Amino acid sequence: MVVVTLQREKCIGCNYCVELAPEQFAMSKKDGKSVLLHSQNKKGFHTIKSHDEGIYDASEQAAKACPVKIISVKRT
């Protein structure tokens, strides 16, 4: 299982995550911050859990490219 987490409140809106993993991330037109698609929000941490291993590589690239390091990707 792949777990992707985004601390949305700390997002600076650079758009790297959307460019590297458009299936997982989108930019909000409302506030210009990243949105982790289909995620659950728990105290500011937006998380998805997926059995699709195919999302790991793109999500990991997005996490590494994030200048404020607010994306984490884990395999469980």
N, C-alpha and C. Protein backbone atom coordinates (compact mmCIF):
# COMPACT_ATOMS: atom_id res chain seq x y z
N MET A 1 0.84 -1.18 0.00
CA MET A 1 0.00 0.00 0.00
C MET A 1 0.89 1.24 0.00
N VAL A 2 0.47 2.26 -0.72
CA VAL A 2 1.19 3.53 -0.79
C VAL A 2 0.39 4.57 0.00
N VAL A 3 1.09 5.31 0.87
CA VAL A 3 0.47 6.36 1.66
C VAL A 3 1.13 7.69 1.28
N VAL A 4 0.32 8.64 0.81
CA VAL A 4 0.82 9.96 0.43
C VAL A 4 0.16 10.98 1.34
N THR A 5 0.99 11.87 1.92
CA THR A 5 0.48 12.89 2.84
C THR A 5 0.96 14.27 2.41
N LEU A 6 0.07 15.25 2.52
CA LEU A 6 0.36 16.64 2.16
C LEU A 6 -0.04 17.54 3.32
N GLN A 7 0.89 18.40 3.75
CA GLN A 7 0.57 19.44 4.75
C GLN A 7 0.18 20.69 3.97
N ARG A 8 -1.09 20.77 3.60
CA ARG A 8 -1.56 21.78 2.66
C ARG A 8 -1.37 23.21 3.13
N GLU A 9 -1.52 23.48 4.43
CA GLU A 9 -1.44 24.84 4.94
C GLU A 9 -0.06 25.46 4.70
N LYS A 10 0.97 24.63 4.59
CA LYS A 10 2.33 25.13 4.39
C LYS A 10 2.72 25.27 2.92
N CYS A 11 1.80 24.92 2.03
CA CYS A 11 2.06 24.97 0.58
C CYS A 11 2.31 26.41 0.12
N ILE A 12 3.33 26.59 -0.75
CA ILE A 12 3.63 27.91 -1.29
C ILE A 12 3.16 28.06 -2.74
N GLY A 13 2.53 27.01 -3.28
CA GLY A 13 1.94 27.09 -4.61
C GLY A 13 2.92 27.06 -5.77
N CYS A 14 4.03 26.34 -5.62
CA CYS A 14 5.05 26.30 -6.68
C CYS A 14 4.64 25.47 -7.90
N ASN A 15 3.70 24.54 -7.71
CA ASN A 15 3.13 23.72 -8.78
C ASN A 15 4.00 22.53 -9.21
N TYR A 16 5.13 22.28 -8.57
CA TYR A 16 5.97 21.15 -8.95
C TYR A 16 5.24 19.82 -8.80
N CYS A 17 4.50 19.68 -7.72
CA CYS A 17 3.80 18.41 -7.47
C CYS A 17 2.79 18.11 -8.57
N VAL A 18 2.11 19.14 -9.05
CA VAL A 18 1.11 18.95 -10.10
C VAL A 18 1.79 18.55 -11.41
N GLU A 19 2.94 19.15 -11.70
CA GLU A 19 3.66 18.83 -12.92
C GLU A 19 4.22 17.40 -12.89
N LEU A 20 4.67 16.95 -11.73
CA LEU A 20 5.29 15.64 -11.62
C LEU A 20 4.31 14.50 -11.34
N ALA A 21 3.19 14.80 -10.69
CA ALA A 21 2.19 13.77 -10.36
C ALA A 21 0.78 14.32 -10.54
N PRO A 22 0.39 14.61 -11.78
CA PRO A 22 -0.94 15.22 -12.01
C PRO A 22 -2.11 14.31 -11.65
N GLU A 23 -1.86 13.00 -11.52
CA GLU A 23 -2.94 12.10 -11.12
C GLU A 23 -3.25 12.24 -9.63
N GLN A 24 -2.28 12.72 -8.85
CA GLN A 24 -2.46 12.84 -7.40
C GLN A 24 -2.71 14.27 -6.93
N PHE A 25 -2.17 15.26 -7.67
CA PHE A 25 -2.22 16.63 -7.20
C PHE A 25 -2.87 17.56 -8.21
N ALA A 26 -3.50 18.62 -7.69
CA ALA A 26 -4.06 19.69 -8.51
C ALA A 26 -3.86 21.00 -7.75
N MET A 27 -3.93 22.11 -8.46
CA MET A 27 -3.82 23.42 -7.80
C MET A 27 -5.22 23.97 -7.58
N SER A 28 -5.45 24.50 -6.40
CA SER A 28 -6.74 25.09 -6.08
C SER A 28 -6.85 26.46 -6.74
N LYS A 29 -7.94 26.70 -7.44
CA LYS A 29 -8.16 28.02 -8.03
C LYS A 29 -8.57 29.02 -6.95
N LYS A 30 -9.02 28.49 -5.83
CA LYS A 30 -9.49 29.35 -4.73
C LYS A 30 -8.34 30.04 -4.00
N ASP A 31 -7.30 29.27 -3.64
CA ASP A 31 -6.20 29.86 -2.86
C ASP A 31 -4.82 29.62 -3.45
N GLY A 32 -4.71 28.94 -4.60
CA GLY A 32 -3.42 28.75 -5.25
C GLY A 32 -2.52 27.72 -4.59
N LYS A 33 -3.07 26.90 -3.71
CA LYS A 33 -2.29 25.87 -3.04
C LYS A 33 -2.60 24.50 -3.63
N SER A 34 -1.69 23.58 -3.39
CA SER A 34 -1.85 22.22 -3.88
C SER A 34 -2.98 21.49 -3.16
N VAL A 35 -3.64 20.61 -3.90
CA VAL A 35 -4.69 19.76 -3.35
C VAL A 35 -4.31 18.32 -3.65
N LEU A 36 -4.31 17.47 -2.63
CA LEU A 36 -4.08 16.04 -2.83
C LEU A 36 -5.45 15.43 -3.14
N LEU A 37 -5.61 14.98 -4.37
CA LEU A 37 -6.91 14.51 -4.84
C LEU A 37 -7.37 13.27 -4.09
N HIS A 38 -8.65 13.22 -3.77
CA HIS A 38 -9.31 12.10 -3.09
C HIS A 38 -8.74 11.83 -1.70
N SER A 39 -8.24 12.87 -1.03
CA SER A 39 -7.61 12.68 0.28
C SER A 39 -8.57 12.94 1.43
N GLN A 40 -8.17 12.43 2.59
CA GLN A 40 -8.87 12.67 3.85
C GLN A 40 -8.06 13.71 4.63
N ASN A 41 -8.73 14.71 5.19
CA ASN A 41 -8.04 15.73 5.98
C ASN A 41 -8.16 15.39 7.45
N LYS A 42 -7.02 15.30 8.12
CA LYS A 42 -7.00 15.04 9.54
C LYS A 42 -6.01 16.00 10.18
N LYS A 43 -6.52 17.05 10.80
CA LYS A 43 -5.71 18.05 11.49
C LYS A 43 -4.66 18.67 10.59
N GLY A 44 -5.05 19.01 9.35
CA GLY A 44 -4.15 19.67 8.42
C GLY A 44 -3.28 18.75 7.59
N PHE A 45 -3.37 17.46 7.84
CA PHE A 45 -2.63 16.48 7.05
C PHE A 45 -3.60 15.79 6.10
N HIS A 46 -3.43 16.01 4.82
CA HIS A 46 -4.30 15.42 3.80
C HIS A 46 -3.62 14.15 3.33
N THR A 47 -4.32 13.02 3.45
CA THR A 47 -3.71 11.71 3.21
C THR A 47 -4.56 10.84 2.29
N ILE A 48 -3.87 10.12 1.40
CA ILE A 48 -4.52 9.06 0.63
C ILE A 48 -3.77 7.76 0.89
N LYS A 49 -4.51 6.67 0.90
CA LYS A 49 -3.93 5.33 1.01
C LYS A 49 -4.41 4.57 -0.22
N SER A 50 -3.47 4.06 -0.98
CA SER A 50 -3.83 3.40 -2.22
C SER A 50 -3.10 2.07 -2.37
N HIS A 51 -3.79 1.10 -2.94
CA HIS A 51 -3.17 -0.18 -3.25
C HIS A 51 -2.50 -0.14 -4.62
N ASP A 52 -2.62 0.98 -5.32
CA ASP A 52 -2.02 1.15 -6.65
C ASP A 52 -0.55 1.56 -6.50
N GLU A 53 0.34 0.59 -6.65
CA GLU A 53 1.78 0.86 -6.53
C GLU A 53 2.27 1.81 -7.63
N GLY A 54 1.50 1.96 -8.69
CA GLY A 54 1.88 2.82 -9.81
C GLY A 54 1.98 4.29 -9.45
N ILE A 55 1.37 4.70 -8.35
CA ILE A 55 1.42 6.11 -7.97
C ILE A 55 2.68 6.45 -7.18
N TYR A 56 3.43 5.43 -6.76
CA TYR A 56 4.57 5.66 -5.87
C TYR A 56 5.66 6.53 -6.51
N ASP A 57 6.11 6.17 -7.69
CA ASP A 57 7.24 6.87 -8.31
C ASP A 57 6.95 8.35 -8.55
N ALA A 58 5.80 8.66 -9.15
CA ALA A 58 5.46 10.06 -9.42
C ALA A 58 5.28 10.85 -8.13
N SER A 59 4.66 10.23 -7.14
CA SER A 59 4.45 10.90 -5.86
C SER A 59 5.79 11.14 -5.15
N GLU A 60 6.69 10.18 -5.24
CA GLU A 60 8.02 10.32 -4.64
C GLU A 60 8.81 11.44 -5.32
N GLN A 61 8.71 11.55 -6.64
CA GLN A 61 9.37 12.64 -7.36
C GLN A 61 8.80 13.98 -6.92
N ALA A 62 7.49 14.06 -6.75
CA ALA A 62 6.86 15.30 -6.29
C ALA A 62 7.34 15.67 -4.89
N ALA A 63 7.46 14.67 -4.03
CA ALA A 63 7.94 14.91 -2.66
C ALA A 63 9.36 15.45 -2.66
N LYS A 64 10.22 14.87 -3.49
CA LYS A 64 11.61 15.31 -3.57
C LYS A 64 11.74 16.71 -4.17
N ALA A 65 10.85 17.06 -5.10
CA ALA A 65 10.91 18.36 -5.76
C ALA A 65 10.31 19.48 -4.92
N CYS A 66 9.48 19.15 -3.95
CA CYS A 66 8.79 20.16 -3.14
C CYS A 66 9.80 21.01 -2.37
N PRO A 67 9.84 22.33 -2.60
CA PRO A 67 10.83 23.17 -1.93
C PRO A 67 10.59 23.35 -0.43
N VAL A 68 9.38 23.13 0.03
CA VAL A 68 9.08 23.29 1.46
C VAL A 68 8.90 21.95 2.16
N LYS A 69 9.13 20.85 1.44
CA LYS A 69 9.14 19.48 1.99
C LYS A 69 7.89 19.15 2.81
N ILE A 70 6.71 19.36 2.19
CA ILE A 70 5.44 19.11 2.89
C ILE A 70 4.72 17.87 2.36
N ILE A 71 5.38 17.10 1.49
CA ILE A 71 4.80 15.89 0.94
C ILE A 71 5.62 14.70 1.43
N SER A 72 4.93 13.68 1.94
CA SER A 72 5.63 12.45 2.31
C SER A 72 4.97 11.28 1.59
N VAL A 73 5.80 10.31 1.23
CA VAL A 73 5.33 9.13 0.50
C VAL A 73 5.95 7.91 1.18
N LYS A 74 5.10 6.94 1.52
CA LYS A 74 5.60 5.73 2.19
C LYS A 74 4.94 4.50 1.58
N ARG A 75 5.66 3.40 1.66
CA ARG A 75 5.06 2.10 1.33
C ARG A 75 4.86 1.37 2.64
N THR A 76 3.70 0.76 2.80
CA THR A 76 3.43 0.01 4.03
C THR A 76 3.16 -1.44 3.73
